[in-house]
């Protein structure tokens, strides 16, 4: 067993700082490049041990929080034809297992893995495989009290798979296969096997019918935070 590894216990990552997390949506169409960003990232990732194959969890993003710097674009992204943020406030990636040539998470060592799971957008789900670079840092490593898991990924989706429609006059300006890039740093702690966090799933916010109020991500624990709609560059 590696130093600082978890034996009978495990690590749950359920704390997310806005300044440490960003998701980027990039549509590179013939007539226009559209880039929208959000720091409103949340999630709960579970490492019962340092075995890579044992890890699982979910990451959610507030669909109404993407910002491109152009108001009309942001309204289009939130619209019923696209993310339908009023009635589907969260996009959710559920990670069922990790596949890697490596066996264990080392300490502050990058490993390449493929996350197998389900992507949910607009209430529509599709199985997905996401290649990611992961780096685990145990509690108190380099003076930080939190355990940390860094996740960098880049993957392509087909928005038509999730019921999104490109208006005819936008065909040359919107790519149907945008690229999603994530730079994430999940923080957490060692927890006991009987912790309720092991079975916790982030609930979707309840949205009142007929209202235009924006919904916010519910926290899985009092420590869990949600980000702002910051649109800073990477």
Protein backbone atom coordinates (compact mmCIF):
# COMPACT_ATOMS: atom_id res chain seq x y z
CA UNK A 1 0.00 0.00 0.00
CA UNK A 2 1.33 3.42 -0.90
CA UNK A 3 2.03 6.02 1.75
CA UNK A 4 -0.96 8.16 2.67
CA UNK A 5 -3.36 5.62 1.15
CA UNK A 6 -6.81 4.91 2.53
CA UNK A 7 -7.47 1.41 3.85
CA UNK A 8 -10.74 0.71 5.69
CA UNK A 9 -11.74 4.29 5.05
CA UNK A 10 -11.95 6.28 1.86
CA UNK A 11 -12.00 9.81 0.51
CA UNK A 12 -15.09 11.73 -0.55
CA UNK A 13 -14.55 14.91 -2.57
CA UNK A 14 -17.51 17.23 -1.99
CA UNK A 15 -16.01 20.72 -1.80
CA UNK A 16 -15.54 22.87 -4.89
CA UNK A 17 -14.08 26.38 -4.96
CA UNK A 18 -15.25 28.57 -7.87
CA UNK A 19 -11.78 29.97 -8.47
CA UNK A 20 -10.37 26.43 -8.87
CA UNK A 21 -12.92 25.06 -11.31
CA UNK A 22 -14.01 25.95 -14.82
CA UNK A 23 -15.96 24.27 -17.62
CA UNK A 24 -15.61 25.64 -21.14
CA UNK A 25 -18.05 25.13 -24.03
CA UNK A 26 -16.47 25.79 -27.45
CA UNK A 27 -18.41 25.81 -30.72
CA UNK A 28 -16.08 26.27 -33.70
CA UNK A 29 -18.37 26.81 -36.70
CA UNK A 30 -17.40 28.06 -40.18
CA UNK A 31 -18.68 31.59 -39.55
CA UNK A 32 -18.15 32.03 -35.83
CA UNK A 33 -16.24 30.79 -32.79
CA UNK A 34 -18.41 30.71 -29.68
CA UNK A 35 -16.77 30.14 -26.30
CA UNK A 36 -18.81 30.11 -23.10
CA UNK A 37 -17.52 29.42 -19.60
CA UNK A 38 -18.85 28.67 -16.16
CA UNK A 39 -17.37 28.23 -12.71
CA UNK A 40 -20.68 26.98 -11.27
CA UNK A 41 -19.41 23.44 -10.78
CA UNK A 42 -20.41 21.04 -8.03
CA UNK A 43 -20.19 17.33 -7.42
CA UNK A 44 -19.42 14.40 -5.19
CA UNK A 45 -16.59 12.02 -6.10
CA UNK A 46 -15.83 8.86 -4.13
CA UNK A 47 -12.54 7.00 -3.69
CA UNK A 48 -13.14 3.97 -1.43
CA UNK A 49 -9.46 3.14 -1.91
CA UNK A 50 -6.59 4.23 -4.09
CA UNK A 51 -7.63 1.66 -6.68
CA UNK A 52 -8.55 3.63 -9.78
CA UNK A 53 -11.22 1.12 -10.77
CA UNK A 54 -13.06 1.71 -7.46
CA UNK A 55 -13.65 5.44 -7.98
CA UNK A 56 -17.07 6.82 -8.95
CA UNK A 57 -19.20 9.93 -8.55
CA UNK A 58 -20.86 12.76 -10.37
CA UNK A 59 -20.17 16.32 -11.49
CA UNK A 60 -22.93 18.86 -12.10
CA UNK A 61 -22.93 22.25 -13.80
CA UNK A 62 -25.57 24.99 -13.62
CA UNK A 63 -26.85 25.31 -17.17
CA UNK A 64 -27.96 28.90 -16.70
CA UNK A 65 -24.50 30.04 -15.62
CA UNK A 66 -22.58 29.87 -18.91
CA UNK A 67 -21.28 33.25 -20.04
CA UNK A 68 -19.75 34.11 -23.41
CA UNK A 69 -19.41 37.86 -23.01
CA UNK A 70 -22.28 38.51 -25.45
CA UNK A 71 -25.77 38.79 -23.95
CA UNK A 72 -27.67 37.49 -26.97
CA UNK A 73 -25.46 34.40 -27.11
CA UNK A 74 -26.00 33.74 -23.41
CA UNK A 75 -29.76 33.98 -23.88
CA UNK A 76 -29.54 31.49 -26.75
CA UNK A 77 -27.53 29.05 -24.62
CA UNK A 78 -30.14 29.23 -21.83
CA UNK A 79 -33.13 29.11 -24.21
CA UNK A 80 -35.66 26.24 -24.48
CA UNK A 81 -34.14 25.26 -27.84
CA UNK A 82 -30.74 24.79 -26.21
CA UNK A 83 -29.97 24.00 -22.57
CA UNK A 84 -33.50 24.91 -21.45
CA UNK A 85 -32.02 26.19 -18.21
CA UNK A 86 -35.36 27.21 -16.71
CA UNK A 87 -36.67 23.65 -16.60
CA UNK A 88 -33.36 21.74 -16.57
CA UNK A 89 -31.05 23.76 -14.29
CA UNK A 90 -28.34 21.09 -14.12
CA UNK A 91 -26.22 19.19 -16.59
CA UNK A 92 -24.92 16.05 -14.89
CA UNK A 93 -22.07 13.66 -15.62
CA UNK A 94 -22.41 10.43 -13.64
CA UNK A 95 -19.15 8.46 -13.46
CA UNK A 96 -19.78 4.76 -12.92
CA UNK A 97 -16.21 3.55 -13.25
CA UNK A 98 -12.71 4.52 -14.33
CA UNK A 99 -10.59 2.49 -16.72
CA UNK A 100 -6.83 2.97 -16.78
CA UNK A 101 -3.59 1.19 -17.58
CA UNK A 102 -2.56 2.25 -14.09
CA UNK A 103 -3.81 0.32 -11.05
CA UNK A 104 -3.72 2.90 -8.27
CA UNK A 105 -3.71 6.64 -7.72
CA UNK A 106 -0.21 7.60 -6.71
CA UNK A 107 0.57 10.66 -4.62
CA UNK A 108 0.70 13.79 -6.79
CA UNK A 109 1.23 11.67 -9.90
CA UNK A 110 -0.78 12.15 -13.08
CA UNK A 111 -2.63 9.13 -14.43
CA UNK A 112 -4.58 8.81 -17.66
CA UNK A 113 -8.01 7.25 -17.37
CA UNK A 114 -11.32 6.95 -19.20
CA UNK A 115 -14.46 7.73 -17.23
CA UNK A 116 -17.40 5.53 -18.23
CA UNK A 117 -20.78 6.92 -17.33
CA UNK A 118 -23.87 8.83 -18.32
CA UNK A 119 -24.21 12.45 -19.43
CA UNK A 120 -27.55 14.14 -18.76
CA UNK A 121 -28.49 17.41 -20.49
CA UNK A 122 -32.04 18.77 -20.74
CA UNK A 123 -33.28 15.65 -18.95
CA UNK A 124 -31.96 13.44 -21.79
CA UNK A 125 -29.29 10.86 -20.98
CA UNK A 126 -26.62 9.20 -23.10
CA UNK A 127 -23.77 6.89 -22.19
CA UNK A 128 -20.41 8.54 -22.59
CA UNK A 129 -16.69 7.86 -22.31
CA UNK A 130 -14.49 10.77 -21.26
CA UNK A 131 -10.70 10.65 -21.35
CA UNK A 132 -9.21 12.51 -18.40
CA UNK A 133 -5.93 13.25 -16.67
CA UNK A 134 -6.23 12.73 -12.91
CA UNK A 135 -3.93 13.65 -10.06
CA UNK A 136 -4.61 12.70 -6.42
CA UNK A 137 -3.13 14.57 -3.45
CA UNK A 138 -3.89 13.16 0.02
CA UNK A 139 -4.82 15.26 3.07
CA UNK A 140 -1.99 17.48 4.36
CA UNK A 141 0.08 16.99 1.23
CA UNK A 142 2.21 20.11 0.70
CA UNK A 143 0.52 21.77 3.67
CA UNK A 144 -3.08 21.64 2.41
CA UNK A 145 -5.49 20.05 4.90
CA UNK A 146 -7.86 18.85 2.17
CA UNK A 147 -7.50 15.81 0.01
CA UNK A 148 -7.58 16.98 -3.62
CA UNK A 149 -8.33 15.40 -6.96
CA UNK A 150 -7.40 17.35 -10.07
CA UNK A 151 -9.35 16.46 -13.21
CA UNK A 152 -8.51 17.74 -16.68
CA UNK A 153 -10.55 16.55 -19.65
CA UNK A 154 -11.64 17.44 -23.15
CA UNK A 155 -14.44 15.72 -25.02
CA UNK A 156 -16.92 16.30 -27.80
CA UNK A 157 -20.70 16.00 -27.67
CA UNK A 158 -23.37 16.14 -30.35
CA UNK A 159 -25.96 18.63 -29.13
CA UNK A 160 -28.60 17.01 -31.35
CA UNK A 161 -28.39 13.88 -29.18
CA UNK A 162 -29.81 15.98 -26.35
CA UNK A 163 -32.66 17.55 -28.29
CA UNK A 164 -30.96 20.87 -28.96
CA UNK A 165 -31.95 22.65 -32.15
CA UNK A 166 -29.84 24.96 -34.32
CA UNK A 167 -32.05 27.61 -35.98
CA UNK A 168 -31.66 27.61 -39.80
CA UNK A 169 -30.18 31.11 -39.82
CA UNK A 170 -27.51 29.98 -37.30
CA UNK A 171 -26.33 26.89 -39.20
CA UNK A 172 -23.01 28.45 -40.19
CA UNK A 173 -22.51 30.00 -36.76
CA UNK A 174 -23.09 27.03 -34.42
CA UNK A 175 -21.29 23.70 -34.54
CA UNK A 176 -23.48 20.67 -33.73
CA UNK A 177 -20.44 19.02 -32.10
CA UNK A 178 -18.94 21.47 -29.59
CA UNK A 179 -15.95 20.61 -27.43
CA UNK A 180 -16.28 20.60 -23.64
CA UNK A 181 -13.12 21.26 -21.65
CA UNK A 182 -12.87 20.90 -17.87
CA UNK A 183 -10.23 22.03 -15.42
CA UNK A 184 -11.44 20.88 -12.01
CA UNK A 185 -10.06 20.56 -8.50
CA UNK A 186 -12.31 18.63 -6.13
CA UNK A 187 -11.57 18.85 -2.42
CA UNK A 188 -12.54 16.40 0.29
CA UNK A 189 -11.74 14.44 3.42
CA UNK A 190 -11.20 10.90 4.65
CA UNK A 191 -14.55 9.48 5.81
CA UNK A 192 -15.62 6.28 7.53
CA UNK A 193 -17.34 3.41 5.66
CA UNK A 194 -20.67 4.18 7.36
CA UNK A 195 -20.73 7.81 6.20
CA UNK A 196 -23.97 8.73 4.36
CA UNK A 197 -21.82 10.47 1.76
CA UNK A 198 -21.05 7.10 0.17
CA UNK A 199 -24.65 6.79 -1.03
CA UNK A 200 -25.38 10.49 -1.59
CA UNK A 201 -26.52 11.78 -4.98
CA UNK A 202 -26.88 15.47 -5.77
CA UNK A 203 -30.59 16.24 -6.21
CA UNK A 204 -31.87 18.26 -9.13
CA UNK A 205 -33.32 21.60 -7.98
CA UNK A 206 -37.08 21.82 -7.97
CA UNK A 207 -38.33 24.31 -10.52
CA UNK A 208 -41.78 25.87 -10.22
CA UNK A 209 -43.81 25.56 -13.39
CA UNK A 210 -44.45 28.79 -15.25
CA UNK A 211 -41.76 30.84 -13.52
CA UNK A 212 -38.63 32.40 -14.94
CA UNK A 213 -36.68 32.27 -11.70
CA UNK A 214 -33.22 30.79 -12.00
CA UNK A 215 -32.53 27.72 -9.93
CA UNK A 216 -29.39 27.06 -7.90
CA UNK A 217 -27.56 23.84 -7.16
CA UNK A 218 -28.51 22.24 -3.85
CA UNK A 219 -25.53 21.43 -1.69
CA UNK A 220 -24.80 17.81 -0.89
CA UNK A 221 -23.30 18.82 2.46
CA UNK A 222 -22.93 22.11 4.35
CA UNK A 223 -19.36 22.27 3.03
CA UNK A 224 -20.32 21.96 -0.61
CA UNK A 225 -20.16 25.21 -2.54
CA UNK A 226 -21.39 26.41 -5.88
CA UNK A 227 -19.57 28.73 -8.17
CA UNK A 228 -20.37 32.10 -9.59
CA UNK A 229 -21.11 32.77 -13.25
CA UNK A 230 -17.60 34.05 -13.72
CA UNK A 231 -16.47 34.19 -17.35
CA UNK A 232 -12.74 34.64 -16.82
CA UNK A 233 -10.31 33.19 -19.31
CA UNK A 234 -8.40 30.04 -18.54
